[in-house]
Protein backbone atom coordinates (compact mmCIF):
# COMPACT_ATOMS: atom_id res chain seq x y z
CA UNK A 1 -9.57 -115.92 11.01
CA UNK A 2 -6.10 -115.14 9.74
CA UNK A 3 -7.13 -112.11 7.90
CA UNK A 4 -8.07 -109.92 11.02
CA UNK A 5 -6.26 -106.80 12.14
CA UNK A 6 -7.25 -106.06 15.66
CA UNK A 7 -7.18 -102.49 17.09
CA UNK A 8 -7.48 -102.42 20.99
CA UNK A 9 -8.66 -98.93 22.40
CA UNK A 10 -9.77 -98.26 26.11
CA UNK A 11 -13.32 -99.62 25.84
CA UNK A 12 -13.40 -101.04 22.25
CA UNK A 13 -11.94 -103.77 20.28
CA UNK A 14 -12.02 -103.07 16.47
CA UNK A 15 -11.64 -106.16 14.28
CA UNK A 16 -10.69 -105.18 10.63
CA UNK A 17 -11.42 -107.85 7.88
CA UNK A 18 -10.97 -107.58 4.19
CA UNK A 19 -14.61 -108.36 2.98
CA UNK A 20 -18.16 -108.46 4.25
CA UNK A 21 -17.92 -112.26 3.85
CA UNK A 22 -15.09 -112.36 6.44
CA UNK A 23 -16.89 -109.96 8.59
CA UNK A 24 -19.89 -112.43 8.63
CA UNK A 25 -17.58 -115.30 9.46
CA UNK A 26 -16.10 -113.41 12.37
CA UNK A 27 -19.63 -112.51 13.67
CA UNK A 28 -20.47 -116.38 13.69
CA UNK A 29 -17.81 -116.83 16.21
CA UNK A 30 -19.90 -116.02 19.06
CA UNK A 31 -18.16 -118.06 21.72
CA UNK A 32 -14.80 -116.45 20.85
CA UNK A 33 -16.44 -112.98 20.77
CA UNK A 34 -17.92 -113.56 24.22
CA UNK A 35 -14.76 -115.06 25.55
CA UNK A 36 -12.96 -111.87 24.46
CA UNK A 37 -15.72 -109.73 26.11
CA UNK A 38 -15.39 -111.72 29.22
CA UNK A 39 -11.49 -110.89 29.51
CA UNK A 40 -12.31 -107.32 29.74
CA UNK A 41 -13.11 -105.89 33.27
CA UNK A 42 -15.15 -103.12 31.78
CA UNK A 43 -18.90 -103.52 31.59
CA UNK A 44 -19.31 -101.37 28.47
CA UNK A 45 -16.54 -103.11 26.48
CA UNK A 46 -17.51 -102.96 22.82
CA UNK A 47 -16.37 -105.32 19.87
CA UNK A 48 -16.90 -104.10 16.37
CA UNK A 49 -16.14 -105.85 13.14
CA UNK A 50 -15.35 -103.71 10.09
CA UNK A 51 -14.60 -104.65 6.58
CA UNK A 52 -11.98 -102.51 4.89
CA UNK A 53 -10.24 -103.80 1.90
CA UNK A 54 -7.68 -101.05 1.87
CA UNK A 55 -6.09 -102.37 4.98
CA UNK A 56 -5.36 -105.63 3.15
CA UNK A 57 -3.47 -104.52 -0.17
CA UNK A 58 -2.19 -108.11 -0.73
CA UNK A 59 -5.70 -109.74 -0.37
CA UNK A 60 -7.04 -111.20 -3.53
CA UNK A 61 -10.55 -112.50 -3.81
CA UNK A 62 -10.97 -116.21 -4.77
CA UNK A 63 -12.18 -116.68 -8.38
CA UNK A 64 -15.43 -118.65 -8.77
CA UNK A 65 -14.77 -122.18 -9.93
CA UNK A 66 -16.17 -123.06 -13.27
CA UNK A 67 -18.56 -126.05 -13.48
CA UNK A 68 -17.58 -128.33 -16.13
CA UNK A 69 -20.11 -129.98 -18.55
CA UNK A 70 -19.94 -133.83 -19.02
CA UNK A 71 -18.21 -133.35 -22.33
CA UNK A 72 -15.53 -130.97 -20.95
CA UNK A 73 -14.89 -133.50 -18.05
CA UNK A 74 -14.66 -136.43 -20.67
CA UNK A 75 -12.33 -134.19 -22.80
CA UNK A 76 -10.04 -133.74 -19.73
CA UNK A 77 -10.01 -137.42 -18.99
CA UNK A 78 -8.96 -138.05 -22.59
CA UNK A 79 -6.36 -135.48 -22.49
CA UNK A 80 -4.85 -137.18 -19.48
CA UNK A 81 -5.41 -140.64 -20.70
CA UNK A 82 -6.19 -141.24 -24.25
CA UNK A 83 -7.29 -144.99 -23.31
CA UNK A 84 -10.40 -143.56 -21.99
CA UNK A 85 -11.87 -143.68 -25.59
CA UNK A 86 -11.10 -147.52 -25.58
CA UNK A 87 -12.98 -148.02 -22.25
CA UNK A 88 -15.92 -146.03 -23.62
CA UNK A 89 -15.97 -148.34 -26.66
CA UNK A 90 -15.71 -151.56 -24.65
CA UNK A 91 -18.58 -150.45 -22.24
CA UNK A 92 -20.73 -149.00 -25.03
CA UNK A 93 -20.98 -145.81 -23.06
CA UNK A 94 -22.44 -142.47 -24.40
CA UNK A 95 -22.13 -139.07 -23.03
CA UNK A 96 -25.33 -137.46 -21.83
CA UNK A 97 -26.85 -134.72 -23.84
CA UNK A 98 -26.74 -131.41 -22.32
């Protein structure tokens, strides 16, 4: 909800967000939307949610997280602590085949 730019007109509140995902998040806040609508004395008060990335020049979309394979996880563990190999040998562990 931090990435919202509200614009209030006579009978309309426009909420600008950077992406359609944010738009959907705001739409799910029904209690908040109804509370805002209740603050207006006008019966025909309209609330619209609009996604417009141009209004948020500093916004960067989150990059998808790469899911690591068991081998990649093991290599990272080994990189941080080389004694992991010793533990694997002591416990006679094997990496799952992928």
